[in-house]
Amino acid sequence: MTSRCLTPREQTVLDCIPAGHENAISRRRLARVACLDDRLIREIIYRLVVERACPSAAARVPKVAATS
């Protein structure tokens, strides 16, 4: 997804979410880092995932089975 499709707040939240399930950030911490209200963070994440079909950056990535 290109940044021109996102609002400035959506881009800020997306930039603050680390990649990888092991690096997940709590919504409370995300609100502090992005300097936004927790309720607004929930709304933005909803819009990113549901309305804009942007996968959560902390979503699990399936492991590829090793081939011999």
Foldseek 3Di string as FASTA:
>chain_A
DDPVVDDPLLVLLLVLAAAELVRGDDLVVSCVVSVHDSVVSVVSVCCCCPVVVNDRRHDHDDDDDDDD
